[in-house]
């Protein structure tokens, strides 16, 4: 039987083609502090893949293409272009890490936050991703890891902000600084809800959220979490998964009833 493994040189070539190092891409080096990385240039330098890597920490998921049916996924040192929309990848992220459906997850988080929020961050034990809608396409989102935001660059009287990640990848967002900071805080709290439910070890309730979550310590992340402690995470330990199951089951029953018993219009 032939060895199914590719020769080492071929594996390296495939990695370089589908999962290249950021520092080997001219488009990454051409970006400047006040300008985003040019996604059109990146597209020319990367082969499009059919799958994402959800095992590695994601720094950002950026929608791309004429109809935004493709996405760039930014990692610490590498990047992938995937033939899936950013919103679909967010749903796959939830399935992969939490085994949850997006709508049931969002409804559960609204209960914990006691707010009717449309742009709901997603999270696993290790990090969160915060959605920012495109100004000309409000249902399409860029998903940014708030724990990897190094700096924010903005100009007076300009609604757009450049988010610089800790790996120096620059992303343009159609939001001003205050809105970005508020969404970062929401992302950290949701990260805390998920992490608290998975862990069993006792935690000092006055521990700062920056340390509890293990996120990168930058000027921006310290500013957002300065007065936020473990005790400020909404809800109580071991409630999240239980509440999700209750809400998800109720939604499934309601859908079944609507499809099978309500009169057809």
C-alpha atoms as a PDB file:
ATOM      1  CA  UNK A   1       0.000   0.000   0.000  1.00  0.00           C
ATOM      2  CA  UNK A   2       1.372   3.415  -1.008  1.00  0.00           C
ATOM      3  CA  UNK A   3       2.087   6.031   1.623  1.00  0.00           C
ATOM      4  CA  UNK A   4      -0.783   8.528   1.536  1.00  0.00           C
ATOM      5  CA  UNK A   5       1.356  11.321   2.976  1.00  0.00           C
ATOM      6  CA  UNK A   6       2.617  13.943   0.557  1.00  0.00           C
ATOM      7  CA  UNK A   7       6.374  14.504   0.285  1.00  0.00           C
ATOM      8  CA  UNK A   8       7.546  17.238   2.639  1.00  0.00           C
ATOM      9  CA  UNK A   9       8.318  19.664  -0.182  1.00  0.00           C
ATOM     10  CA  UNK A  10       4.811  19.222  -1.635  1.00  0.00           C
ATOM     11  CA  UNK A  11       3.248  19.852   1.790  1.00  0.00           C
ATOM     12  CA  UNK A  12       5.250  23.067   2.125  1.00  0.00           C
ATOM     13  CA  UNK A  13       4.107  24.211  -1.317  1.00  0.00           C
ATOM     14  CA  UNK A  14       0.448  23.559  -0.423  1.00  0.00           C
ATOM     15  CA  UNK A  15       0.838  25.456   2.853  1.00  0.00           C
ATOM     16  CA  UNK A  16       2.425  28.368   1.008  1.00  0.00           C
ATOM     17  CA  UNK A  17      -0.392  28.318  -1.544  1.00  0.00           C
ATOM     18  CA  UNK A  18      -3.440  27.959   0.720  1.00  0.00           C
ATOM     19  CA  UNK A  19      -2.131  29.081   4.122  1.00  0.00           C
ATOM     20  CA  UNK A  20       0.750  31.499   3.498  1.00  0.00           C
ATOM     21  CA  UNK A  21       2.732  33.368   6.121  1.00  0.00           C
ATOM     22  CA  UNK A  22       1.648  36.988   6.432  1.00  0.00           C
ATOM     23  CA  UNK A  23       5.222  38.265   6.379  1.00  0.00           C
ATOM     24  CA  UNK A  24       5.784  36.595   2.988  1.00  0.00           C
ATOM     25  CA  UNK A  25       2.950  38.538   1.308  1.00  0.00           C
ATOM     26  CA  UNK A  26       3.730  41.895  -0.384  1.00  0.00           C
ATOM     27  CA  UNK A  27       0.158  43.118   0.265  1.00  0.00           C
ATOM     28  CA  UNK A  28       0.748  42.812   4.014  1.00  0.00           C
ATOM     29  CA  UNK A  29       4.018  44.738   3.912  1.00  0.00           C
ATOM     30  CA  UNK A  30       2.564  47.521   1.763  1.00  0.00           C
ATOM     31  CA  UNK A  31      -0.016  48.517   4.398  1.00  0.00           C
ATOM     32  CA  UNK A  32       0.626  51.623   6.534  1.00  0.00           C
ATOM     33  CA  UNK A  33      -0.763  52.568   9.983  1.00  0.00           C
ATOM     34  CA  UNK A  34      -3.581  54.746   8.643  1.00  0.00           C
ATOM     35  CA  UNK A  35      -4.517  52.436   5.759  1.00  0.00           C
ATOM     36  CA  UNK A  36      -6.072  48.935   5.708  1.00  0.00           C
ATOM     37  CA  UNK A  37      -4.446  45.944   4.058  1.00  0.00           C
ATOM     38  CA  UNK A  38      -5.582  45.770   0.419  1.00  0.00           C
ATOM     39  CA  UNK A  39      -7.795  42.665   0.173  1.00  0.00           C
ATOM     40  CA  UNK A  40      -7.761  42.724  -3.629  1.00  0.00           C
ATOM     41  CA  UNK A  41      -3.975  42.392  -3.576  1.00  0.00           C
ATOM     42  CA  UNK A  42      -4.199  39.586  -1.024  1.00  0.00           C
ATOM     43  CA  UNK A  43      -6.683  37.765  -3.274  1.00  0.00           C
ATOM     44  CA  UNK A  44      -4.081  37.727  -6.065  1.00  0.00           C
ATOM     45  CA  UNK A  45      -1.468  36.228  -3.745  1.00  0.00           C
ATOM     46  CA  UNK A  46      -3.518  33.445  -2.100  1.00  0.00           C
ATOM     47  CA  UNK A  47      -5.281  30.336  -3.436  1.00  0.00           C
ATOM     48  CA  UNK A  48      -8.901  30.029  -2.268  1.00  0.00           C
ATOM     49  CA  UNK A  49      -9.584  27.098   0.068  1.00  0.00           C
ATOM     50  CA  UNK A  50     -12.798  25.206   0.806  1.00  0.00           C
ATOM     51  CA  UNK A  51     -12.238  25.019   4.545  1.00  0.00           C
ATOM     52  CA  UNK A  52     -11.305  27.125   7.530  1.00  0.00           C
ATOM     53  CA  UNK A  53      -9.004  26.215  10.403  1.00  0.00           C
ATOM     54  CA  UNK A  54     -11.057  26.562  13.584  1.00  0.00           C
ATOM     55  CA  UNK A  55      -8.410  24.950  15.825  1.00  0.00           C
ATOM     56  CA  UNK A  56      -6.138  27.997  15.780  1.00  0.00           C
ATOM     57  CA  UNK A  57      -7.077  31.326  17.373  1.00  0.00           C
ATOM     58  CA  UNK A  58      -8.751  33.573  14.819  1.00  0.00           C
ATOM     59  CA  UNK A  59      -7.771  37.246  14.763  1.00  0.00           C
ATOM     60  CA  UNK A  60     -10.400  38.313  12.199  1.00  0.00           C
ATOM     61  CA  UNK A  61     -12.821  37.065   9.547  1.00  0.00           C
ATOM     62  CA  UNK A  62     -13.244  39.563   6.708  1.00  0.00           C
ATOM     63  CA  UNK A  63     -15.944  39.342   3.999  1.00  0.00           C
ATOM     64  CA  UNK A  64     -14.684  39.459   0.422  1.00  0.00           C
ATOM     65  CA  UNK A  65     -15.860  39.134  -3.171  1.00  0.00           C
ATOM     66  CA  UNK A  66     -18.439  40.779  -5.405  1.00  0.00           C
ATOM     67  CA  UNK A  67     -21.323  39.370  -3.356  1.00  0.00           C
ATOM     68  CA  UNK A  68     -19.253  38.742  -0.183  1.00  0.00           C
ATOM     69  CA  UNK A  69     -19.470  34.973  -0.603  1.00  0.00           C
ATOM     70  CA  UNK A  70     -15.779  34.535   0.247  1.00  0.00           C
ATOM     71  CA  UNK A  71     -13.774  35.477   3.339  1.00  0.00           C
ATOM     72  CA  UNK A  72     -10.256  36.085   4.550  1.00  0.00           C
ATOM     73  CA  UNK A  73      -9.410  34.511   7.901  1.00  0.00           C
ATOM     74  CA  UNK A  74      -6.530  36.169   9.728  1.00  0.00           C
ATOM     75  CA  UNK A  75      -4.464  34.164  12.226  1.00  0.00           C
ATOM     76  CA  UNK A  76      -1.380  35.135  14.228  1.00  0.00           C
ATOM     77  CA  UNK A  77       1.168  34.488  11.468  1.00  0.00           C
ATOM     78  CA  UNK A  78      -0.893  33.192   8.537  1.00  0.00           C
ATOM     79  CA  UNK A  79      -3.977  33.891   6.422  1.00  0.00           C
ATOM     80  CA  UNK A  80      -6.536  31.838   4.484  1.00  0.00           C
ATOM     81  CA  UNK A  81      -9.042  32.797   1.832  1.00  0.00           C
ATOM     82  CA  UNK A  82     -12.115  30.573   2.148  1.00  0.00           C
ATOM     83  CA  UNK A  83     -15.008  30.032  -0.243  1.00  0.00           C
ATOM     84  CA  UNK A  84     -17.599  30.745   2.473  1.00  0.00           C
ATOM     85  CA  UNK A  85     -19.243  33.965   3.597  1.00  0.00           C
ATOM     86  CA  UNK A  86     -18.035  35.514   6.858  1.00  0.00           C
ATOM     87  CA  UNK A  87     -21.457  35.015   8.454  1.00  0.00           C
ATOM     88  CA  UNK A  88     -21.499  31.327   7.505  1.00  0.00           C
ATOM     89  CA  UNK A  89     -18.022  30.893   9.002  1.00  0.00           C
ATOM     90  CA  UNK A  90     -19.297  32.466  12.236  1.00  0.00           C
ATOM     91  CA  UNK A  91     -22.089  29.882  12.338  1.00  0.00           C
ATOM     92  CA  UNK A  92     -19.567  27.085  11.686  1.00  0.00           C
ATOM     93  CA  UNK A  93     -17.384  28.460  14.486  1.00  0.00           C
ATOM     94  CA  UNK A  94     -20.270  28.123  16.959  1.00  0.00           C
ATOM     95  CA  UNK A  95     -21.031  24.591  15.739  1.00  0.00           C
ATOM     96  CA  UNK A  96     -17.388  23.556  15.982  1.00  0.00           C
ATOM     97  CA  UNK A  97     -16.670  24.954  19.443  1.00  0.00           C
ATOM     98  CA  UNK A  98     -19.984  25.097  21.310  1.00  0.00           C
ATOM     99  CA  UNK A  99     -22.205  22.747  19.251  1.00  0.00           C
ATOM    100  CA  UNK A 100     -24.811  25.509  19.130  1.00  0.00           C
ATOM    101  CA  UNK A 101     -27.156  27.030  16.555  1.00  0.00           C
ATOM    102  CA  UNK A 102     -26.684  30.758  15.944  1.00  0.00           C
ATOM    103  CA  UNK A 103     -30.283  31.885  16.531  1.00  0.00           C
ATOM    104  CA  UNK A 104     -30.652  29.942  19.793  1.00  0.00           C
ATOM    105  CA  UNK A 105     -27.230  31.180  20.921  1.00  0.00           C
ATOM    106  CA  UNK A 106     -28.141  34.827  20.221  1.00  0.00           C
ATOM    107  CA  UNK A 107     -31.451  34.487  22.037  1.00  0.00           C
ATOM    108  CA  UNK A 108     -29.688  32.983  25.068  1.00  0.00           C
ATOM    109  CA  UNK A 109     -27.079  35.747  25.177  1.00  0.00           C
ATOM    110  CA  UNK A 110     -29.828  38.380  25.024  1.00  0.00           C
ATOM    111  CA  UNK A 111     -31.265  36.858  28.210  1.00  0.00           C
ATOM    112  CA  UNK A 112     -27.878  37.068  29.952  1.00  0.00           C
ATOM    113  CA  UNK A 113     -27.147  40.612  28.786  1.00  0.00           C
ATOM    114  CA  UNK A 114     -30.765  41.713  29.299  1.00  0.00           C
ATOM    115  CA  UNK A 115     -30.560  43.626  26.010  1.00  0.00           C
ATOM    116  CA  UNK A 116     -32.068  43.211  22.563  1.00  0.00           C
ATOM    117  CA  UNK A 117     -28.815  43.159  20.583  1.00  0.00           C
ATOM    118  CA  UNK A 118     -28.717  42.401  16.860  1.00  0.00           C
ATOM    119  CA  UNK A 119     -24.926  42.297  16.425  1.00  0.00           C
ATOM    120  CA  UNK A 120     -24.080  39.573  18.924  1.00  0.00           C
ATOM    121  CA  UNK A 121     -20.446  38.537  19.495  1.00  0.00           C
ATOM    122  CA  UNK A 122     -19.565  34.839  19.449  1.00  0.00           C
ATOM    123  CA  UNK A 123     -17.021  33.129  21.684  1.00  0.00           C
ATOM    124  CA  UNK A 124     -15.392  29.913  22.794  1.00  0.00           C
ATOM    125  CA  UNK A 125     -13.286  29.212  25.885  1.00  0.00           C
ATOM    126  CA  UNK A 126     -10.251  31.046  24.492  1.00  0.00           C
ATOM    127  CA  UNK A 127     -11.430  34.118  22.581  1.00  0.00           C
ATOM    128  CA  UNK A 128     -14.371  36.044  21.143  1.00  0.00           C
ATOM    129  CA  UNK A 129     -15.230  37.548  17.764  1.00  0.00           C
ATOM    130  CA  UNK A 130     -17.155  40.819  17.549  1.00  0.00           C
ATOM    131  CA  UNK A 131     -19.278  41.625  14.456  1.00  0.00           C
ATOM    132  CA  UNK A 132     -19.067  44.963  12.650  1.00  0.00           C
ATOM    133  CA  UNK A 133     -21.499  45.427   9.762  1.00  0.00           C
ATOM    134  CA  UNK A 134     -20.420  46.888   6.436  1.00  0.00           C
ATOM    135  CA  UNK A 135     -21.824  50.403   5.948  1.00  0.00           C
ATOM    136  CA  UNK A 136     -23.312  49.548   2.532  1.00  0.00           C
ATOM    137  CA  UNK A 137     -24.357  45.994   3.467  1.00  0.00           C
ATOM    138  CA  UNK A 138     -25.744  45.989   7.036  1.00  0.00           C
ATOM    139  CA  UNK A 139     -26.356  42.218   7.249  1.00  0.00           C
ATOM    140  CA  UNK A 140     -22.765  41.348   6.266  1.00  0.00           C
ATOM    141  CA  UNK A 141     -20.212  41.417   9.078  1.00  0.00           C
ATOM    142  CA  UNK A 142     -16.490  41.593   9.646  1.00  0.00           C
ATOM    143  CA  UNK A 143     -15.708  39.518  12.760  1.00  0.00           C
ATOM    144  CA  UNK A 144     -12.840  40.918  14.858  1.00  0.00           C
ATOM    145  CA  UNK A 145     -11.118  39.336  17.864  1.00  0.00           C
ATOM    146  CA  UNK A 146     -11.243  42.165  20.475  1.00  0.00           C
ATOM    147  CA  UNK A 147      -8.497  40.536  22.533  1.00  0.00           C
ATOM    148  CA  UNK A 148      -6.067  41.074  19.634  1.00  0.00           C
ATOM    149  CA  UNK A 149      -6.730  44.767  19.014  1.00  0.00           C
ATOM    150  CA  UNK A 150      -3.475  46.653  19.460  1.00  0.00           C
ATOM    151  CA  UNK A 151      -4.392  50.176  18.339  1.00  0.00           C
ATOM    152  CA  UNK A 152      -7.142  52.326  16.825  1.00  0.00           C
ATOM    153  CA  UNK A 153      -6.334  54.994  14.246  1.00  0.00           C
ATOM    154  CA  UNK A 154      -8.956  57.578  13.334  1.00  0.00           C
ATOM    155  CA  UNK A 155      -9.273  61.094  11.959  1.00  0.00           C
ATOM    156  CA  UNK A 156     -11.510  63.926  13.129  1.00  0.00           C
ATOM    157  CA  UNK A 157     -14.905  64.107  11.398  1.00  0.00           C
ATOM    158  CA  UNK A 158     -14.395  60.682   9.876  1.00  0.00           C
ATOM    159  CA  UNK A 159     -16.708  57.797  10.783  1.00  0.00           C
ATOM    160  CA  UNK A 160     -14.162  55.168   9.757  1.00  0.00           C
ATOM    161  CA  UNK A 161     -11.501  53.718  12.027  1.00  0.00           C
ATOM    162  CA  UNK A 162      -8.455  51.602  11.273  1.00  0.00           C
ATOM    163  CA  UNK A 163      -8.150  48.696  13.701  1.00  0.00           C
ATOM    164  CA  UNK A 164      -4.575  47.436  14.038  1.00  0.00           C
ATOM    165  CA  UNK A 165      -4.273  43.906  15.384  1.00  0.00           C
ATOM    166  CA  UNK A 166      -1.350  42.642  17.484  1.00  0.00           C
ATOM    167  CA  UNK A 167       0.130  41.008  14.362  1.00  0.00           C
ATOM    168  CA  UNK A 168       0.049  44.487  12.699  1.00  0.00           C
ATOM    169  CA  UNK A 169      -2.751  43.571  10.260  1.00  0.00           C
ATOM    170  CA  UNK A 170      -4.857  46.694   9.582  1.00  0.00           C
ATOM    171  CA  UNK A 171      -8.639  46.584   9.053  1.00  0.00           C
ATOM    172  CA  UNK A 172     -10.971  49.465   8.205  1.00  0.00           C
ATOM    173  CA  UNK A 173     -14.227  49.576  10.176  1.00  0.00           C
ATOM    174  CA  UNK A 174     -17.153  51.925   9.614  1.00  0.00           C
ATOM    175  CA  UNK A 175     -17.378  52.855  13.302  1.00  0.00           C
ATOM    176  CA  UNK A 176     -15.934  55.515  15.574  1.00  0.00           C
ATOM    177  CA  UNK A 177     -13.799  54.718  18.590  1.00  0.00           C
ATOM    178  CA  UNK A 178     -16.500  54.793  21.272  1.00  0.00           C
ATOM    179  CA  UNK A 179     -18.703  52.301  19.416  1.00  0.00           C
ATOM    180  CA  UNK A 180     -15.721  49.993  18.886  1.00  0.00           C
ATOM    181  CA  UNK A 181     -14.751  50.114  22.574  1.00  0.00           C
ATOM    182  CA  UNK A 182     -18.349  49.361  23.633  1.00  0.00           C
ATOM    183  CA  UNK A 183     -18.506  46.337  21.338  1.00  0.00           C
ATOM    184  CA  UNK A 184     -15.126  45.138  22.565  1.00  0.00           C
ATOM    185  CA  UNK A 185     -16.418  45.222  26.143  1.00  0.00           C
ATOM    186  CA  UNK A 186     -19.514  43.258  25.116  1.00  0.00           C
ATOM    187  CA  UNK A 187     -17.274  40.698  23.407  1.00  0.00           C
ATOM    188  CA  UNK A 188     -15.162  40.300  26.557  1.00  0.00           C
ATOM    189  CA  UNK A 189     -18.257  39.814  28.744  1.00  0.00           C
ATOM    190  CA  UNK A 190     -19.619  37.153  26.386  1.00  0.00           C
ATOM    191  CA  UNK A 191     -16.212  35.470  26.335  1.00  0.00           C
ATOM    192  CA  UNK A 192     -16.441  35.480  30.136  1.00  0.00           C
ATOM    193  CA  UNK A 193     -19.922  33.888  30.123  1.00  0.00           C
ATOM    194  CA  UNK A 194     -18.720  31.004  27.951  1.00  0.00           C
ATOM    195  CA  UNK A 195     -15.404  30.493  29.771  1.00  0.00           C
ATOM    196  CA  UNK A 196     -17.009  30.602  33.227  1.00  0.00           C
ATOM    197  CA  UNK A 197     -19.445  27.831  32.267  1.00  0.00           C
ATOM    198  CA  UNK A 198     -16.659  25.523  31.053  1.00  0.00           C
ATOM    199  CA  UNK A 199     -14.263  25.989  33.983  1.00  0.00           C
ATOM    200  CA  UNK A 200     -14.758  24.491  37.424  1.00  0.00           C
ATOM    201  CA  UNK A 201     -11.885  26.045  39.401  1.00  0.00           C
ATOM    202  CA  UNK A 202     -12.667  28.754  41.971  1.00  0.00           C
ATOM    203  CA  UNK A 203     -11.921  32.312  40.823  1.00  0.00           C
ATOM    204  CA  UNK A 204     -11.302  35.461  42.845  1.00  0.00           C
ATOM    205  CA  UNK A 205     -14.390  37.553  42.050  1.00  0.00           C
ATOM    206  CA  UNK A 206     -12.324  40.760  41.975  1.00  0.00           C
ATOM    207  CA  UNK A 207      -9.930  39.431  39.303  1.00  0.00           C
ATOM    208  CA  UNK A 208      -9.707  41.860  36.399  1.00  0.00           C
ATOM    209  CA  UNK A 209     -11.284  40.562  33.193  1.00  0.00           C
ATOM    210  CA  UNK A 210      -8.053  41.146  31.236  1.00  0.00           C
ATOM    211  CA  UNK A 211      -6.263  38.563  33.383  1.00  0.00           C
ATOM    212  CA  UNK A 212      -9.182  36.150  33.709  1.00  0.00           C
ATOM    213  CA  UNK A 213      -9.701  35.915  29.953  1.00  0.00           C
ATOM    214  CA  UNK A 214      -5.977  35.796  29.185  1.00  0.00           C
ATOM    215  CA  UNK A 215      -6.305  38.333  26.374  1.00  0.00           C
ATOM    216  CA  UNK A 216      -3.410  40.383  24.982  1.00  0.00           C
ATOM    217  CA  UNK A 217      -2.449  43.348  27.150  1.00  0.00           C
ATOM    218  CA  UNK A 218      -2.482  46.394  24.863  1.00  0.00           C
ATOM    219  CA  UNK A 219      -3.327  50.042  25.452  1.00  0.00           C
ATOM    220  CA  UNK A 220      -6.781  49.435  23.994  1.00  0.00           C
ATOM    221  CA  UNK A 221      -7.646  46.175  25.808  1.00  0.00           C
ATOM    222  CA  UNK A 222      -6.473  47.639  29.129  1.00  0.00           C
ATOM    223  CA  UNK A 223      -8.654  50.698  28.559  1.00  0.00           C
ATOM    224  CA  UNK A 224     -11.745  48.581  27.872  1.00  0.00           C
ATOM    225  CA  UNK A 225     -11.262  46.227  30.854  1.00  0.00           C
ATOM    226  CA  UNK A 226      -9.853  48.730  33.384  1.00  0.00           C
ATOM    227  CA  UNK A 227     -12.858  48.624  35.729  1.00  0.00           C
ATOM    228  CA  UNK A 228     -14.303  45.250  34.720  1.00  0.00           C
ATOM    229  CA  UNK A 229     -13.894  42.264  37.045  1.00  0.00           C
ATOM    230  CA  UNK A 230     -14.917  38.622  37.040  1.00  0.00           C
ATOM    231  CA  UNK A 231     -17.911  39.482  39.223  1.00  0.00           C
ATOM    232  CA  UNK A 232     -19.251  41.763  36.462  1.00  0.00           C
ATOM    233  CA  UNK A 233     -19.798  38.869  34.043  1.00  0.00           C
ATOM    234  CA  UNK A 234     -23.608  38.658  33.596  1.00  0.00           C
ATOM    235  CA  UNK A 235     -25.514  35.669  34.966  1.00  0.00           C
ATOM    236  CA  UNK A 236     -24.131  32.865  37.101  1.00  0.00           C
ATOM    237  CA  UNK A 237     -21.759  29.945  36.601  1.00  0.00           C
ATOM    238  CA  UNK A 238     -23.168  26.795  34.979  1.00  0.00           C
ATOM    239  CA  UNK A 239     -26.279  28.616  33.762  1.00  0.00           C
ATOM    240  CA  UNK A 240     -25.345  29.329  30.138  1.00  0.00           C
ATOM    241  CA  UNK A 241     -25.479  25.844  28.605  1.00  0.00           C
ATOM    242  CA  UNK A 242     -28.570  24.944  30.597  1.00  0.00           C
ATOM    243  CA  UNK A 243     -30.370  28.118  29.510  1.00  0.00           C
ATOM    244  CA  UNK A 244     -29.288  27.585  25.908  1.00  0.00           C
ATOM    245  CA  UNK A 245     -30.765  24.079  25.892  1.00  0.00           C
ATOM    246  CA  UNK A 246     -34.058  25.346  27.287  1.00  0.00           C
ATOM    247  CA  UNK A 247     -34.308  28.098  24.671  1.00  0.00           C
ATOM    248  CA  UNK A 248     -33.159  25.877  21.807  1.00  0.00           C
ATOM    249  CA  UNK A 249     -35.677  23.135  22.681  1.00  0.00           C
ATOM    250  CA  UNK A 250     -38.483  25.707  22.887  1.00  0.00           C
ATOM    251  CA  UNK A 251     -37.536  27.108  19.469  1.00  0.00           C
ATOM    252  CA  UNK A 252     -37.466  23.639  17.912  1.00  0.00           C
ATOM    253  CA  UNK A 253     -40.908  22.806  19.330  1.00  0.00           C
ATOM    254  CA  UNK A 254     -42.325  26.143  18.160  1.00  0.00           C
ATOM    255  CA  UNK A 255     -40.940  25.626  14.646  1.00  0.00           C
ATOM    256  CA  UNK A 256     -42.368  22.106  14.466  1.00  0.00           C
ATOM    257  CA  UNK A 257     -45.765  23.327  15.633  1.00  0.00           C
ATOM    258  CA  UNK A 258     -45.793  26.204  13.136  1.00  0.00           C
ATOM    259  CA  UNK A 259     -44.851  23.930  10.241  1.00  0.00           C
ATOM    260  CA  UNK A 260     -47.290  21.139  11.032  1.00  0.00           C
ATOM    261  CA  UNK A 261     -50.323  22.591  12.805  1.00  0.00           C
ATOM    262  CA  UNK A 262     -50.833  26.206  11.791  1.00  0.00           C
ATOM    263  CA  UNK A 263     -53.144  26.708   8.777  1.00  0.00           C
ATOM    264  CA  UNK A 264     -51.348  27.311   5.501  1.00  0.00           C
ATOM    265  CA  UNK A 265     -51.768  30.782   4.020  1.00  0.00           C
END
